């Protein structure tokens, strides 16, 4: 499983350099060296329009309107510690929303198991009736989960969870599962928007990870006969 912490706002990408992270004790000298020199043949880039570099365990990309920190290798809470620390340092950066994302790619044993996930989450009866003598199959399905009633969420910005299921083409019989926990940032708060982002990442990332594991396990269990 991988995780991506994505924040929408107004950024100066040139700030977020490997040297800046090392100078503020957010990463060590070894990580900073790898990030400066590039990893796996990928060049490090720091500019006013785009910053993009990676260490052995994370990739950081900052555009003028989006910050994205993505895990590499074994997923650990170090990712959320780094992101929360960054937004504590840039506490006056305008931030609008953030997403805690978890993605898993799973290899199944057979085409039957792959189809069973789609048949469970998106029953084919209505489509077979609409288009007789054809085959209907799941391509991509996204479910949106919101707190409260449907009326509570009409024309209101709300925090929500989006769960997406689709085939994984990395395997002959595979499925990709992803969860996006979306949080809107309030302007009516004692904390600055960036400080709110830091607090949300610090407080919610672990439980979001655990919930993703729970949901992914239950979806995959639907393939069991």
Protein backbone atom coordinates (compact mmCIF):
# COMPACT_ATOMS: atom_id res chain seq x y z
CA UNK A 1 0.00 0.00 0.00
CA UNK A 2 1.12 3.53 -0.75
CA UNK A 3 -0.06 6.86 0.63
CA UNK A 4 -0.23 10.32 -0.91
CA UNK A 5 -0.89 13.49 1.07
CA UNK A 6 -2.24 16.12 -1.31
CA UNK A 7 -2.91 19.73 -0.30
CA UNK A 8 -4.54 22.39 -2.48
CA UNK A 9 -3.57 26.01 -1.96
CA UNK A 10 -1.19 28.73 -3.12
CA UNK A 11 2.46 27.68 -2.92
CA UNK A 12 5.91 28.98 -3.75
CA UNK A 13 7.48 25.73 -5.01
CA UNK A 14 11.04 27.07 -4.75
CA UNK A 15 10.82 27.04 -0.95
CA UNK A 16 10.45 23.26 -0.71
CA UNK A 17 14.00 22.18 -1.53
CA UNK A 18 15.98 19.25 -0.06
CA UNK A 19 18.29 21.78 1.60
CA UNK A 20 15.33 23.52 3.26
CA UNK A 21 13.96 20.22 4.59
CA UNK A 22 17.39 19.24 5.94
CA UNK A 23 18.06 22.68 7.43
CA UNK A 24 14.79 22.44 9.37
CA UNK A 25 15.55 18.89 10.58
CA UNK A 26 12.64 17.35 8.67
CA UNK A 27 14.91 14.92 6.80
CA UNK A 28 18.42 13.68 7.47
CA UNK A 29 21.57 14.33 5.52
CA UNK A 30 21.38 11.01 3.67
CA UNK A 31 17.85 11.65 2.43
CA UNK A 32 18.78 15.20 1.45
CA UNK A 33 21.78 13.97 -0.51
CA UNK A 34 19.71 11.42 -2.45
CA UNK A 35 17.03 14.06 -3.11
CA UNK A 36 19.58 16.56 -4.42
CA UNK A 37 21.36 14.08 -6.66
CA UNK A 38 18.23 12.40 -7.98
CA UNK A 39 16.95 8.88 -7.43
CA UNK A 40 16.68 5.99 -9.87
CA UNK A 41 17.74 8.15 -12.79
CA UNK A 42 15.22 10.92 -12.06
CA UNK A 43 16.55 14.46 -11.88
CA UNK A 44 15.86 16.73 -8.93
CA UNK A 45 14.14 19.99 -9.88
CA UNK A 46 13.57 23.07 -7.72
CA UNK A 47 12.11 26.19 -9.38
CA UNK A 48 9.50 28.89 -8.89
CA UNK A 49 6.98 26.94 -10.99
CA UNK A 50 7.72 23.37 -9.94
CA UNK A 51 9.66 21.44 -7.33
CA UNK A 52 9.99 17.69 -7.87
CA UNK A 53 12.44 15.33 -6.15
CA UNK A 54 12.51 12.03 -4.32
CA UNK A 55 14.42 10.21 -1.64
CA UNK A 56 14.51 6.48 -1.00
CA UNK A 57 11.16 6.64 0.82
CA UNK A 58 9.15 9.57 -0.52
CA UNK A 59 8.48 11.71 -3.58
CA UNK A 60 7.68 15.40 -3.21
CA UNK A 61 6.06 17.49 -5.92
CA UNK A 62 4.96 21.08 -5.39
CA UNK A 63 3.15 23.13 -8.01
CA UNK A 64 1.89 26.65 -7.57
CA UNK A 65 -1.55 25.28 -6.65
CA UNK A 66 -0.83 21.82 -5.25
CA UNK A 67 1.47 20.05 -2.79
CA UNK A 68 1.85 16.26 -3.06
CA UNK A 69 3.92 13.99 -0.82
CA UNK A 70 3.86 10.30 -1.81
CA UNK A 71 5.35 7.28 -0.07
CA UNK A 72 7.82 4.86 -1.63
CA UNK A 73 8.53 1.36 -0.37
CA UNK A 74 7.26 0.32 3.05
CA UNK A 75 4.61 2.72 4.33
CA UNK A 76 5.34 4.23 7.77
CA UNK A 77 4.07 7.17 9.87
CA UNK A 78 7.24 9.03 8.90
CA UNK A 79 5.29 10.26 5.86
CA UNK A 80 2.67 12.07 7.93
CA UNK A 81 5.34 13.40 10.33
CA UNK A 82 7.16 14.97 7.39
CA UNK A 83 4.00 16.50 5.91
CA UNK A 84 2.75 17.81 9.26
CA UNK A 85 6.18 19.31 9.97
CA UNK A 86 6.29 21.05 6.60
CA UNK A 87 2.97 22.79 7.13
CA UNK A 88 3.95 23.87 10.61
CA UNK A 89 6.90 25.67 9.03
CA UNK A 90 4.83 27.35 6.29
CA UNK A 91 2.06 28.32 8.69
CA UNK A 92 0.93 31.37 6.70
CA UNK A 93 0.62 29.60 3.35
CA UNK A 94 -2.96 29.83 1.99
CA UNK A 95 -4.45 26.32 2.07
CA UNK A 96 -7.94 25.38 0.87
CA UNK A 97 -8.30 21.62 1.22
CA UNK A 98 -6.34 18.42 1.68
CA UNK A 99 -6.67 14.74 0.91
CA UNK A 100 -5.25 11.72 2.71
CA UNK A 101 -4.96 9.03 0.06
CA UNK A 102 -4.23 5.32 0.33
CA UNK A 103 -3.81 3.05 -2.69
CA UNK A 104 -3.44 -0.70 -2.89
CA UNK A 105 -2.84 -2.98 -5.89
CA UNK A 106 -3.84 -6.59 -5.31
CA UNK A 107 -3.16 -9.75 -7.29
CA UNK A 108 -6.07 -12.20 -7.39
CA UNK A 109 -5.87 -15.88 -8.19
CA UNK A 110 -8.38 -16.05 -11.02
CA UNK A 111 -10.60 -14.11 -13.37
CA UNK A 112 -13.55 -15.46 -11.39
CA UNK A 113 -12.29 -13.68 -8.25
CA UNK A 114 -11.75 -10.47 -10.21
CA UNK A 115 -15.28 -10.60 -11.62
CA UNK A 116 -16.76 -11.39 -8.23
CA UNK A 117 -15.54 -8.06 -6.82
CA UNK A 118 -17.29 -6.22 -9.65
CA UNK A 119 -20.44 -8.34 -9.39
CA UNK A 120 -20.66 -7.69 -5.64
CA UNK A 121 -20.13 -3.92 -5.78
CA UNK A 122 -21.90 -3.25 -9.11
CA UNK A 123 -24.55 -5.92 -9.85
CA UNK A 124 -24.98 -6.45 -13.58
CA UNK A 125 -28.70 -7.24 -13.72
CA UNK A 126 -29.85 -3.76 -14.77
CA UNK A 127 -27.23 -3.54 -17.52
CA UNK A 128 -27.97 -7.01 -18.87
CA UNK A 129 -31.64 -6.02 -19.07
CA UNK A 130 -30.82 -2.76 -20.85
CA UNK A 131 -28.42 -4.45 -23.26
CA UNK A 132 -29.46 -8.09 -23.78
CA UNK A 133 -26.93 -10.52 -25.21
CA UNK A 134 -23.98 -8.35 -24.14
CA UNK A 135 -21.47 -8.45 -21.32
CA UNK A 136 -21.29 -5.69 -18.71
CA UNK A 137 -18.13 -5.39 -16.59
CA UNK A 138 -16.77 -3.04 -13.94
CA UNK A 139 -14.33 -0.47 -15.33
CA UNK A 140 -14.21 2.04 -12.47
CA UNK A 141 -16.52 2.59 -9.52
CA UNK A 142 -16.31 5.45 -7.01
CA UNK A 143 -18.45 5.61 -3.88
CA UNK A 144 -18.72 8.88 -1.94
CA UNK A 145 -19.30 8.73 1.82
CA UNK A 146 -20.44 11.83 3.74
CA UNK A 147 -21.54 12.38 7.32
CA UNK A 148 -25.17 13.34 7.94
CA UNK A 149 -28.16 13.12 5.61
CA UNK A 150 -28.22 13.96 1.93
CA UNK A 151 -30.06 17.20 2.74
CA UNK A 152 -27.25 18.19 5.14
CA UNK A 153 -24.71 18.14 2.33
CA UNK A 154 -26.60 20.01 -0.40
CA UNK A 155 -24.68 23.11 -1.51
CA UNK A 156 -22.35 22.83 1.49
CA UNK A 157 -18.61 22.06 1.47
CA UNK A 158 -18.26 18.92 3.57
CA UNK A 159 -15.52 16.49 4.46
CA UNK A 160 -15.98 13.22 2.63
CA UNK A 161 -14.46 9.85 1.84
CA UNK A 162 -14.19 8.54 -1.72
CA UNK A 163 -13.54 4.86 -2.35
CA UNK A 164 -12.55 3.82 -5.88
CA UNK A 165 -12.39 0.30 -7.29
CA UNK A 166 -10.97 -0.57 -10.71
CA UNK A 167 -9.01 -3.31 -12.47
CA UNK A 168 -5.25 -3.33 -11.89
CA UNK A 169 -3.37 -3.92 -15.12
CA UNK A 170 -0.10 -4.67 -13.35
CA UNK A 171 -1.37 -8.22 -12.81
CA UNK A 172 -3.20 -10.66 -15.06
CA UNK A 173 -6.01 -10.76 -12.51
CA UNK A 174 -5.70 -7.70 -10.33
CA UNK A 175 -7.71 -5.01 -8.63
CA UNK A 176 -6.80 -1.50 -7.51
CA UNK A 177 -8.43 0.00 -4.45
CA UNK A 178 -8.03 3.58 -3.30
CA UNK A 179 -9.45 5.78 -0.58
CA UNK A 180 -9.39 9.56 -0.50
CA UNK A 181 -10.24 11.25 2.80
CA UNK A 182 -11.04 14.83 1.79
CA UNK A 183 -10.97 17.70 4.30
CA UNK A 184 -12.01 21.28 3.67
CA UNK A 185 -10.04 23.95 5.53
CA UNK A 186 -12.03 26.46 7.56
CA UNK A 187 -11.27 30.18 7.57
CA UNK A 188 -13.20 30.55 10.83
CA UNK A 189 -10.62 28.95 13.10
CA UNK A 190 -8.01 30.03 15.65
CA UNK A 191 -5.38 28.18 13.61
CA UNK A 192 -4.16 29.39 10.23
CA UNK A 193 -5.22 27.23 7.26
CA UNK A 194 -1.73 25.71 7.03
CA UNK A 195 -1.72 24.98 10.77
CA UNK A 196 -5.12 23.31 10.36
CA UNK A 197 -3.68 21.18 7.56
CA UNK A 198 -0.76 20.18 9.77
CA UNK A 199 -3.12 19.23 12.61
CA UNK A 200 -5.43 17.20 10.36
CA UNK A 201 -2.50 15.29 8.89
CA UNK A 202 -1.05 14.62 12.34
CA UNK A 203 -4.36 13.58 13.92
CA UNK A 204 -6.19 11.80 11.08
CA UNK A 205 -3.57 10.08 8.91
CA UNK A 206 -3.09 6.99 11.10
CA UNK A 207 -6.82 6.33 11.53
CA UNK A 208 -7.34 6.90 7.80
CA UNK A 209 -4.64 4.31 7.07
CA UNK A 210 -6.24 1.81 9.46
CA UNK A 211 -9.68 2.41 7.93
CA UNK A 212 -8.25 1.83 4.45
CA UNK A 213 -6.82 -1.52 5.53
CA UNK A 214 -10.21 -2.48 7.00
CA UNK A 215 -12.15 -1.49 3.88
CA UNK A 216 -9.69 -3.08 1.46
CA UNK A 217 -9.75 -6.34 3.43
CA UNK A 218 -13.55 -6.46 3.40
CA UNK A 219 -13.76 -5.75 -0.33
CA UNK A 220 -11.18 -8.45 -1.08
CA UNK A 221 -13.04 -10.90 1.17
CA UNK A 222 -15.96 -10.69 -1.24
CA UNK A 223 -13.89 -12.79 -3.68
CA UNK A 224 -13.87 -15.73 -1.27
CA UNK A 225 -16.21 -18.57 -2.12
